[in-house]
């Protein structure tokens, strides 16, 4: 999942402190482009024919977040070592302090770790100071990358999400490839089929229907034998993570933008008349159909409530519902189905996503073995095994998503495959890339709480936009 209990303010403070350190001046002088000392990329030194054994006897050090994807990776590491002769040493940290550890290590320039997990949003923080290796030269070098890696097999929108020019406001899909997609999450609706059947309900096809449906469940479910059930679980804590799943997905489906770029300047747009109206309606939906203690809700509470039959619906990461839906996982398992969620005007299914990615330390002295590891970890063989034998769901590769064994496994979850296929091509990072992302979205979440608490939406969002204009522009 995305950054769970991690304190965003600590992340920002660490990043700001690191950015002020003199050592970063040297760190940023070319290394962020996958450069080696003296210019160019270390990938340029790899010549001849591709050979998995080229770095036989070397060691790669990995920093990993505790996650089902990590479990699948570790379980398969023997295959990598047998294939390459490369040993992998790794440290695994829980998500509540994982990004603290990663940020401090990258900012120090020590290169304690050669490779690491990161979210695609972190490219906007880690890329500009030069902490991330540009993997593009490695991907383009046939001596370093085997033909079977098959770059075209990745869903293109996922590969583009980790590609950026490092210029605030510039679109993704251009510039350096600063990480590789490894596992991802769509943000869709999961619902309790038992309460829907008993009340004669159908999944909402529009935002207005969703708002009405949430209120209906909260009013009627207790009388139908679902004591304490409310309508829809969505995040509400004062965190950037409240904005990025269901809220940003529905916001984007309505054609709304977080920022616009005018003359190279990034300008807040969450106070447009249409954005104000949407935000007011979202807060109203939560008041009438959401959880009583919504302002403390993270992904964990949302997911747990769906599994405990406290929430009739969940509008969040599909993985948050999947791990409640699998057999024996929760009281609601076997009674959870998936739906793409409400469409926007014109039938839009624009969906925001979270991507767990793998990156390389720009200061690593083990770049060739590190690249072979990244190539293997994002390759077809490992990802198919991880999807079928373990819980590495939402494949980043098209071939895995169409594999018969994978589909056979996932068909046990009603609507999962159909929902995935309905939204995959319209799923991307819906935010405008810029370095103040975490600060801006945390402030946005605080504004959403204020509107939920009764303050005027126009006044709150105009104030937010004014504050962000001086920080982001």
Protein backbone atom coordinates (compact mmCIF):
# COMPACT_ATOMS: atom_id res chain seq x y z
CA UNK A 1 0.00 0.00 0.00
CA UNK A 2 1.03 3.65 -0.15
CA UNK A 3 3.06 5.04 2.74
CA UNK A 4 0.52 3.86 5.40
CA UNK A 5 1.27 5.46 8.78
CA UNK A 6 4.19 7.49 7.56
CA UNK A 7 4.33 11.07 8.85
CA UNK A 8 4.48 13.33 5.80
CA UNK A 9 5.78 16.30 7.78
CA UNK A 10 8.80 14.28 8.88
CA UNK A 11 9.39 13.36 5.25
CA UNK A 12 9.24 16.98 4.16
CA UNK A 13 11.50 18.12 6.97
CA UNK A 14 14.08 15.49 6.16
CA UNK A 15 13.96 16.34 2.46
CA UNK A 16 14.24 20.06 3.09
CA UNK A 17 17.17 19.58 5.45
CA UNK A 18 18.90 17.30 2.99
CA UNK A 19 18.38 19.74 0.13
CA UNK A 20 20.14 22.43 2.14
CA UNK A 21 23.22 20.28 2.70
CA UNK A 22 26.32 21.39 0.77
CA UNK A 23 27.04 17.82 -0.27
CA UNK A 24 24.02 17.84 -2.58
CA UNK A 25 25.61 20.45 -4.80
CA UNK A 26 28.14 17.89 -5.89
CA UNK A 27 25.59 15.09 -5.80
CA UNK A 28 23.39 16.88 -8.29
CA UNK A 29 26.10 17.67 -10.81
CA UNK A 30 25.17 15.15 -13.46
CA UNK A 31 24.51 12.05 -11.36
CA UNK A 32 20.76 12.47 -11.65
CA UNK A 33 21.09 11.81 -15.39
CA UNK A 34 22.59 8.39 -14.74
CA UNK A 35 25.97 9.99 -15.18
CA UNK A 36 29.34 8.71 -14.11
CA UNK A 37 32.12 10.94 -12.99
CA UNK A 38 33.56 12.54 -16.10
CA UNK A 39 30.20 12.70 -17.88
CA UNK A 40 27.88 10.29 -19.62
CA UNK A 41 26.21 7.23 -18.14
CA UNK A 42 27.87 4.23 -16.56
CA UNK A 43 25.70 2.21 -18.94
CA UNK A 44 27.96 3.37 -21.78
CA UNK A 45 30.78 1.20 -20.38
CA UNK A 46 28.77 -1.99 -20.98
CA UNK A 47 29.61 -3.35 -24.43
CA UNK A 48 29.44 -6.62 -26.32
CA UNK A 49 26.61 -9.12 -26.18
CA UNK A 50 24.18 -9.32 -23.29
CA UNK A 51 25.18 -11.75 -20.54
CA UNK A 52 23.32 -12.37 -17.28
CA UNK A 53 26.62 -13.58 -15.76
CA UNK A 54 28.49 -10.39 -16.59
CA UNK A 55 28.62 -9.36 -12.90
CA UNK A 56 29.09 -12.85 -11.44
CA UNK A 57 30.41 -12.70 -7.86
CA UNK A 58 29.23 -9.15 -7.17
CA UNK A 59 26.78 -8.06 -4.44
CA UNK A 60 23.79 -5.71 -4.59
CA UNK A 61 22.35 -4.07 -1.47
CA UNK A 62 18.60 -3.38 -1.52
CA UNK A 63 16.38 -1.30 0.75
CA UNK A 64 12.82 -2.64 0.77
CA UNK A 65 9.50 -1.72 2.31
CA UNK A 66 7.54 -4.43 4.14
CA UNK A 67 4.91 -5.38 1.56
CA UNK A 68 3.41 -8.43 -0.18
CA UNK A 69 5.43 -7.49 -3.28
CA UNK A 70 8.59 -7.62 -1.17
CA UNK A 71 7.61 -11.01 0.23
CA UNK A 72 7.28 -12.35 -3.32
CA UNK A 73 10.65 -10.88 -4.29
CA UNK A 74 12.52 -12.33 -1.35
CA UNK A 75 10.95 -15.73 -1.90
CA UNK A 76 12.35 -15.75 -5.46
CA UNK A 77 15.83 -14.27 -4.86
CA UNK A 78 17.49 -17.65 -5.20
CA UNK A 79 16.40 -17.67 -8.85
CA UNK A 80 18.15 -14.36 -9.44
CA UNK A 81 21.40 -15.49 -7.84
CA UNK A 82 21.38 -18.73 -9.81
CA UNK A 83 20.77 -16.80 -13.03
CA UNK A 84 23.41 -14.11 -12.47
CA UNK A 85 25.84 -15.18 -9.76
CA UNK A 86 24.99 -11.92 -7.97
CA UNK A 87 24.26 -11.98 -4.26
CA UNK A 88 21.52 -9.73 -2.90
CA UNK A 89 21.70 -8.34 0.60
CA UNK A 90 18.60 -6.52 1.78
CA UNK A 91 17.06 -4.62 4.64
CA UNK A 92 13.29 -4.48 5.09
CA UNK A 93 11.64 -1.69 7.07
CA UNK A 94 7.99 -1.17 7.98
CA UNK A 95 6.31 1.63 6.09
CA UNK A 96 6.03 3.92 9.10
CA UNK A 97 9.78 4.60 8.91
CA UNK A 98 10.79 3.25 5.49
CA UNK A 99 10.84 6.60 3.71
CA UNK A 100 12.68 8.24 6.59
CA UNK A 101 15.41 5.66 6.13
CA UNK A 102 15.51 6.02 2.35
CA UNK A 103 15.50 9.83 2.37
CA UNK A 104 18.32 10.07 4.88
CA UNK A 105 20.43 7.53 3.02
CA UNK A 106 19.98 9.15 -0.38
CA UNK A 107 20.61 12.66 0.93
CA UNK A 108 23.79 11.57 2.70
CA UNK A 109 25.47 10.46 -0.51
CA UNK A 110 26.79 7.35 1.28
CA UNK A 111 25.11 4.97 -1.17
CA UNK A 112 24.51 2.37 1.52
CA UNK A 113 21.94 0.87 -0.84
CA UNK A 114 22.25 0.34 -4.57
CA UNK A 115 18.55 -0.21 -5.28
CA UNK A 116 15.35 0.59 -3.42
CA UNK A 117 11.57 0.80 -3.54
CA UNK A 118 9.92 4.16 -4.05
CA UNK A 119 6.58 5.53 -5.14
CA UNK A 120 6.38 7.33 -8.47
CA UNK A 121 5.53 10.58 -6.62
CA UNK A 122 8.92 10.36 -4.91
CA UNK A 123 10.63 10.91 -8.25
CA UNK A 124 9.44 14.51 -7.89
CA UNK A 125 11.32 14.77 -4.58
CA UNK A 126 14.35 12.60 -5.24
CA UNK A 127 14.96 13.41 -8.90
CA UNK A 128 15.78 17.14 -8.86
CA UNK A 129 18.60 16.91 -6.27
CA UNK A 130 20.25 14.19 -8.35
CA UNK A 131 19.69 11.16 -6.13
CA UNK A 132 18.21 8.87 -8.80
CA UNK A 133 20.01 7.15 -11.65
CA UNK A 134 18.47 7.74 -15.07
CA UNK A 135 17.75 4.20 -16.22
CA UNK A 136 17.09 5.22 -19.82
CA UNK A 137 20.69 4.62 -21.02
CA UNK A 138 20.64 1.17 -19.43
CA UNK A 139 17.31 0.31 -21.05
CA UNK A 140 18.55 1.42 -24.48
CA UNK A 141 21.85 -0.49 -24.31
CA UNK A 142 21.43 -3.97 -25.82
CA UNK A 143 24.67 -5.05 -24.13
CA UNK A 144 23.15 -4.26 -20.73
CA UNK A 145 19.54 -5.28 -21.35
CA UNK A 146 18.40 -8.62 -22.72
CA UNK A 147 15.82 -8.72 -25.49
CA UNK A 148 13.51 -10.85 -23.31
CA UNK A 149 13.04 -7.90 -20.92
CA UNK A 150 10.71 -6.54 -23.64
CA UNK A 151 10.11 -2.92 -22.71
CA UNK A 152 7.02 -2.80 -24.95
CA UNK A 153 5.32 -5.34 -22.67
CA UNK A 154 4.91 -2.78 -19.88
CA UNK A 155 1.64 -0.88 -19.82
CA UNK A 156 2.94 2.36 -21.39
CA UNK A 157 1.13 4.65 -18.92
CA UNK A 158 2.95 2.94 -16.05
CA UNK A 159 6.39 3.25 -17.59
CA UNK A 160 5.67 6.92 -18.37
CA UNK A 161 4.70 7.61 -14.74
CA UNK A 162 8.35 7.21 -13.68
CA UNK A 163 9.67 9.32 -16.56
CA UNK A 164 10.10 13.06 -16.04
CA UNK A 165 12.17 16.03 -17.25
CA UNK A 166 12.66 17.28 -13.63
CA UNK A 167 10.94 20.56 -14.60
CA UNK A 168 8.00 21.61 -12.36
CA UNK A 169 4.73 21.31 -14.20
CA UNK A 170 6.23 19.39 -17.13
CA UNK A 171 4.18 16.34 -18.11
CA UNK A 172 5.27 12.83 -17.27
CA UNK A 173 6.49 10.56 -20.05
CA UNK A 174 9.33 12.88 -21.08
CA UNK A 175 12.94 13.10 -19.89
CA UNK A 176 14.82 10.57 -17.80
CA UNK A 177 13.49 7.21 -16.66
CA UNK A 178 14.13 7.56 -12.93
CA UNK A 179 12.46 4.34 -11.78
CA UNK A 180 10.73 1.26 -13.16
CA UNK A 181 7.11 0.30 -12.39
CA UNK A 182 6.97 -2.83 -10.28
CA UNK A 183 3.49 -3.05 -8.75
CA UNK A 184 0.59 -0.64 -8.80
CA UNK A 185 -2.92 0.09 -7.57
CA UNK A 186 -5.96 1.45 -9.33
CA UNK A 187 -8.50 3.41 -7.27
CA UNK A 188 -11.93 1.95 -7.81
CA UNK A 189 -15.04 0.93 -5.89
CA UNK A 190 -15.42 -2.33 -3.99
CA UNK A 191 -18.77 -3.14 -2.39
CA UNK A 192 -20.48 -5.60 -0.09
CA UNK A 193 -22.67 -7.78 -2.33
CA UNK A 194 -24.70 -9.02 0.62
CA UNK A 195 -26.06 -5.61 1.62
CA UNK A 196 -26.49 -4.57 -2.02
CA UNK A 197 -28.59 -7.70 -2.70
CA UNK A 198 -30.67 -7.29 0.44
CA UNK A 199 -31.43 -3.62 -0.26
CA UNK A 200 -31.84 -4.10 -4.02
CA UNK A 201 -28.97 -1.73 -4.87
CA UNK A 202 -26.67 -1.44 -7.88
CA UNK A 203 -23.19 0.16 -8.10
CA UNK A 204 -23.26 3.87 -8.88
CA UNK A 205 -22.57 4.95 -12.45
CA UNK A 206 -22.33 8.69 -11.67
CA UNK A 207 -21.03 10.79 -8.80
CA UNK A 208 -24.55 11.95 -7.95
CA UNK A 209 -25.62 8.30 -7.74
CA UNK A 210 -22.66 7.49 -5.50
CA UNK A 211 -23.57 10.28 -3.08
CA UNK A 212 -27.16 9.10 -2.95
CA UNK A 213 -26.15 5.45 -2.61
CA UNK A 214 -23.80 6.19 0.31
CA UNK A 215 -26.58 7.95 2.20
CA UNK A 216 -29.09 5.19 1.43
CA UNK A 217 -26.83 2.47 2.81
CA UNK A 218 -26.12 4.44 5.98
CA UNK A 219 -29.86 4.95 6.57
CA UNK A 220 -31.17 1.54 5.59
CA UNK A 221 -28.43 -1.02 6.23
CA UNK A 222 -28.87 -1.18 10.03
CA UNK A 223 -32.55 -2.02 9.57
CA UNK A 224 -31.62 -4.81 7.18
CA UNK A 225 -29.42 -6.56 9.72
CA UNK A 226 -26.14 -4.74 9.12
CA UNK A 227 -25.71 -3.00 12.45
CA UNK A 228 -23.52 0.09 12.36
CA UNK A 229 -22.88 -0.08 8.61
CA UNK A 230 -22.31 3.20 6.81
CA UNK A 231 -22.24 3.92 3.09
CA UNK A 232 -18.75 4.56 1.74
CA UNK A 233 -15.25 4.37 3.18
CA UNK A 234 -12.85 7.04 1.91
CA UNK A 235 -9.74 8.47 3.51
CA UNK A 236 -9.98 11.60 5.64
CA UNK A 237 -6.81 12.08 7.72
CA UNK A 238 -4.70 15.22 7.37
CA UNK A 239 -2.32 13.62 4.89
CA UNK A 240 -1.52 13.76 1.19
CA UNK A 241 -2.76 10.17 1.07
CA UNK A 242 -6.33 11.38 1.62
CA UNK A 243 -6.29 13.23 -1.70
CA UNK A 244 -4.68 10.72 -4.03
CA UNK A 245 -7.06 7.68 -4.08
CA UNK A 246 -10.86 8.06 -4.44
CA UNK A 247 -10.98 11.85 -4.18
CA UNK A 248 -8.43 12.51 -6.96
CA UNK A 249 -9.92 9.79 -9.14
CA UNK A 250 -13.41 11.31 -9.02
CA UNK A 251 -11.93 14.80 -9.29
CA UNK A 252 -10.09 13.82 -12.49
CA UNK A 253 -13.13 12.06 -13.92
CA UNK A 254 -14.92 15.39 -13.63
CA UNK A 255 -12.19 16.96 -15.76
CA UNK A 256 -10.68 18.95 -12.88
CA UNK A 257 -7.01 19.84 -12.39
CA UNK A 258 -4.91 20.36 -9.27
CA UNK A 259 -2.68 22.91 -11.03
CA UNK A 260 -2.40 24.52 -14.43
CA UNK A 261 0.83 25.57 -16.11
CA UNK A 262 0.84 29.03 -17.68
CA UNK A 263 3.99 30.43 -19.21
CA UNK A 264 6.08 27.93 -17.30
CA UNK A 265 4.47 28.89 -13.99
CA UNK A 266 2.54 26.31 -11.96
CA UNK A 267 -0.72 27.80 -10.69
CA UNK A 268 -3.23 26.24 -8.26
CA UNK A 269 -6.56 25.28 -9.82
CA UNK A 270 -8.37 23.55 -6.96
CA UNK A 271 -10.36 26.76 -6.39
CA UNK A 272 -12.03 26.91 -9.81
CA UNK A 273 -15.84 27.17 -9.53
CA UNK A 274 -16.18 23.56 -10.72
CA UNK A 275 -13.55 22.30 -8.26
CA UNK A 276 -15.20 24.14 -5.38
CA UNK A 277 -18.58 22.59 -6.23
CA UNK A 278 -17.09 19.10 -6.48
CA UNK A 279 -15.21 19.41 -3.19
CA UNK A 280 -18.33 20.63 -1.42
CA UNK A 281 -20.27 17.65 -2.78
CA UNK A 282 -17.53 15.20 -1.75
CA UNK A 283 -17.54 16.51 1.81
CA UNK A 284 -21.35 16.34 1.85
CA UNK A 285 -21.22 12.71 0.69
CA UNK A 286 -18.90 11.84 3.56
CA UNK A 287 -21.10 13.66 6.11
CA UNK A 288 -24.24 11.83 4.97
CA UNK A 289 -22.79 8.45 4.08
CA UNK A 290 -19.27 8.16 5.47
CA UNK A 291 -17.74 6.94 8.74
CA UNK A 292 -18.40 8.89 11.96
CA UNK A 293 -14.70 9.51 12.68
CA UNK A 294 -13.75 10.25 9.08
CA UNK A 295 -11.05 12.84 9.84
CA UNK A 296 -8.84 10.11 11.31
CA UNK A 297 -9.34 7.64 8.47
CA UNK A 298 -6.33 6.23 6.60
CA UNK A 299 -6.29 3.39 4.06
CA UNK A 300 -6.09 0.96 6.96
CA UNK A 301 -9.37 2.01 8.59
CA UNK A 302 -11.11 2.11 5.20
CA UNK A 303 -9.92 -1.37 4.28
CA UNK A 304 -10.68 -2.81 7.71
CA UNK A 305 -14.22 -1.41 7.73
CA UNK A 306 -15.01 -3.05 4.38
CA UNK A 307 -13.72 -6.36 5.69
CA UNK A 308 -15.59 -6.03 8.98
CA UNK A 309 -18.90 -5.25 7.23
CA UNK A 310 -18.91 -1.74 8.66
CA UNK A 311 -18.68 -0.09 5.22
CA UNK A 312 -21.03 -0.89 2.36
CA UNK A 313 -18.53 0.45 -0.18
CA UNK A 314 -14.86 1.37 -0.42
CA UNK A 315 -13.55 3.94 -2.91
CA UNK A 316 -9.81 3.42 -2.64
CA UNK A 317 -6.94 1.26 -3.86
CA UNK A 318 -8.10 -2.05 -5.27
CA UNK A 319 -5.49 -3.80 -3.13
CA UNK A 320 -7.12 -2.37 0.02
CA UNK A 321 -10.24 -4.34 -0.90
CA UNK A 322 -8.50 -7.36 -2.41
CA UNK A 323 -6.80 -8.33 0.84
CA UNK A 324 -10.20 -8.25 2.57
CA UNK A 325 -11.91 -10.15 -0.25
CA UNK A 326 -9.71 -13.23 -0.52
CA UNK A 327 -11.08 -16.36 1.07
CA UNK A 328 -10.87 -16.38 4.85
CA UNK A 329 -9.28 -12.93 5.10
CA UNK A 330 -12.19 -11.14 6.79
CA UNK A 331 -15.86 -11.49 7.79
CA UNK A 332 -16.78 -10.01 4.40
CA UNK A 333 -14.57 -12.28 2.29
CA UNK A 334 -16.60 -13.95 -0.42
CA UNK A 335 -19.04 -11.03 -0.30
CA UNK A 336 -16.92 -8.29 -1.89
CA UNK A 337 -17.13 -7.36 -5.56
CA UNK A 338 -15.35 -4.74 -7.68
CA UNK A 339 -16.71 -1.98 -9.92
CA UNK A 340 -14.86 0.75 -11.88
CA UNK A 341 -16.73 3.40 -9.91
CA UNK A 342 -18.75 6.39 -11.11
CA UNK A 343 -18.03 7.79 -14.54
CA UNK A 344 -17.43 11.45 -15.14
CA UNK A 345 -19.10 13.60 -17.79
CA UNK A 346 -18.79 11.96 -21.18
CA UNK A 347 -18.19 8.58 -19.56
CA UNK A 348 -14.70 9.37 -18.25
CA UNK A 349 -13.01 6.66 -16.21
CA UNK A 350 -9.86 8.71 -15.60
CA UNK A 351 -8.29 7.05 -12.57
CA UNK A 352 -5.44 8.06 -10.32
CA UNK A 353 -2.89 5.46 -9.30
CA UNK A 354 -0.14 4.59 -6.91
CA UNK A 355 2.91 2.78 -8.29
CA UNK A 356 5.48 0.96 -6.25
CA UNK A 357 8.61 1.36 -8.35
CA UNK A 358 12.24 0.29 -8.18
CA UNK A 359 15.07 2.78 -8.52
CA UNK A 360 18.85 2.89 -8.49
CA UNK A 361 21.02 5.13 -6.34
CA UNK A 362 22.84 7.61 -8.59
CA UNK A 363 25.90 7.29 -6.31
CA UNK A 364 26.00 3.48 -6.39
CA UNK A 365 29.35 1.90 -7.23
CA UNK A 366 27.59 -1.31 -8.26
CA UNK A 367 25.50 -0.04 -11.12
CA UNK A 368 25.86 -2.97 -13.50
CA UNK A 369 24.80 -5.65 -10.98
CA UNK A 370 22.15 -3.24 -9.69
CA UNK A 371 20.75 -2.87 -13.20
CA UNK A 372 20.71 -6.63 -13.71
CA UNK A 373 18.75 -6.93 -10.48
CA UNK A 374 16.22 -4.28 -11.53
CA UNK A 375 15.91 -5.94 -14.94
CA UNK A 376 15.20 -9.31 -13.35
CA UNK A 377 12.81 -7.95 -10.69
CA UNK A 378 10.70 -6.19 -13.34
CA UNK A 379 11.02 -9.01 -15.86
CA UNK A 380 8.28 -11.30 -17.14
CA UNK A 381 9.43 -14.48 -15.41
CA UNK A 382 9.62 -13.08 -11.89
CA UNK A 383 6.48 -10.94 -12.13
CA UNK A 384 4.37 -13.79 -13.49
CA UNK A 385 5.54 -16.09 -10.72
CA UNK A 386 4.84 -13.36 -8.15
CA UNK A 387 1.34 -12.74 -9.50
CA UNK A 388 0.31 -16.38 -9.67
CA UNK A 389 2.02 -17.88 -6.61
CA UNK A 390 1.98 -14.84 -4.34
CA UNK A 391 -0.02 -11.61 -4.03
CA UNK A 392 1.71 -9.36 -6.55
CA UNK A 393 -1.57 -8.28 -8.14
CA UNK A 394 -2.28 -5.45 -10.63
CA UNK A 395 0.46 -6.50 -13.07
CA UNK A 396 2.62 -3.79 -14.62
CA UNK A 397 3.14 -6.05 -17.64
CA UNK A 398 0.46 -6.72 -20.24
CA UNK A 399 1.56 -10.34 -20.72
CA UNK A 400 1.06 -11.10 -17.02
CA UNK A 401 -2.39 -9.46 -16.98
CA UNK A 402 -3.46 -11.71 -19.86
CA UNK A 403 -1.88 -14.90 -18.54
CA UNK A 404 -4.40 -17.72 -18.09
CA UNK A 405 -3.05 -18.78 -14.68
CA UNK A 406 -3.26 -15.20 -13.39
CA UNK A 407 -6.80 -14.74 -14.67
CA UNK A 408 -7.83 -18.08 -13.21
CA UNK A 409 -6.55 -16.98 -9.81
CA UNK A 410 -8.25 -13.58 -9.90
CA UNK A 411 -11.63 -14.76 -11.20
CA UNK A 412 -12.44 -15.86 -7.65
CA UNK A 413 -12.89 -12.14 -6.83
CA UNK A 414 -16.10 -10.94 -8.55
CA UNK A 415 -15.53 -8.06 -10.92
CA UNK A 416 -11.79 -7.72 -10.31
CA UNK A 417 -10.58 -8.58 -13.81
CA UNK A 418 -13.40 -6.70 -15.55
CA UNK A 419 -12.74 -3.62 -13.42
CA UNK A 420 -9.00 -3.77 -14.03
CA UNK A 421 -9.50 -4.03 -17.77
CA UNK A 422 -12.07 -1.23 -17.77
CA UNK A 423 -9.79 1.34 -16.14
CA UNK A 424 -6.22 0.29 -16.99
CA UNK A 425 -5.88 2.40 -20.13
CA UNK A 426 -7.30 5.50 -18.42
CA UNK A 427 -5.29 5.12 -15.24
CA UNK A 428 -2.33 7.42 -14.74
CA UNK A 429 -0.94 9.88 -12.22
CA UNK A 430 -3.52 12.64 -12.39
CA UNK A 431 -1.44 15.16 -10.44
CA UNK A 432 0.80 17.85 -11.89
CA UNK A 433 4.46 16.92 -11.21
CA UNK A 434 6.14 19.41 -8.87
CA UNK A 435 8.48 19.24 -5.89
CA UNK A 436 5.97 20.57 -3.36
CA UNK A 437 3.57 17.71 -4.01
CA UNK A 438 3.48 16.31 -0.47
CA UNK A 439 3.14 19.69 1.19
CA UNK A 440 0.47 20.84 -1.26
CA UNK A 441 -1.69 17.73 -0.99
CA UNK A 442 -1.41 17.61 2.80
CA UNK A 443 -2.65 21.20 2.91
CA UNK A 444 -5.41 20.20 0.50
CA UNK A 445 -6.47 17.40 2.85
CA UNK A 446 -6.59 19.89 5.74
CA UNK A 447 -8.82 22.14 3.64
CA UNK A 448 -11.11 19.21 2.88
CA UNK A 449 -11.44 18.56 6.61
CA UNK A 450 -12.39 22.20 7.19
CA UNK A 451 -15.12 22.03 4.54
CA UNK A 452 -16.38 18.78 6.04
CA UNK A 453 -16.50 20.59 9.39
CA UNK A 454 -18.82 23.25 8.00
CA UNK A 455 -16.57 26.03 6.68
CA UNK A 456 -17.41 27.70 3.37
CA UNK A 457 -15.82 25.70 0.52
CA UNK A 458 -15.14 28.73 -1.65
CA UNK A 459 -13.42 30.63 1.15
CA UNK A 460 -11.31 27.64 2.21
CA UNK A 461 -10.16 26.67 -1.28
CA UNK A 462 -9.42 30.25 -2.32
CA UNK A 463 -7.26 30.54 0.78
CA UNK A 464 -5.51 27.27 -0.03
CA UNK A 465 -4.84 28.33 -3.61
CA UNK A 466 -3.43 31.65 -2.48
CA UNK A 467 -1.09 29.96 -0.02
CA UNK A 468 0.10 27.37 -2.56
CA UNK A 469 0.65 29.97 -5.28
CA UNK A 470 3.54 31.44 -3.31
CA UNK A 471 5.07 28.03 -2.59
CA UNK A 472 4.65 26.17 -5.86
CA UNK A 473 4.73 28.89 -8.51
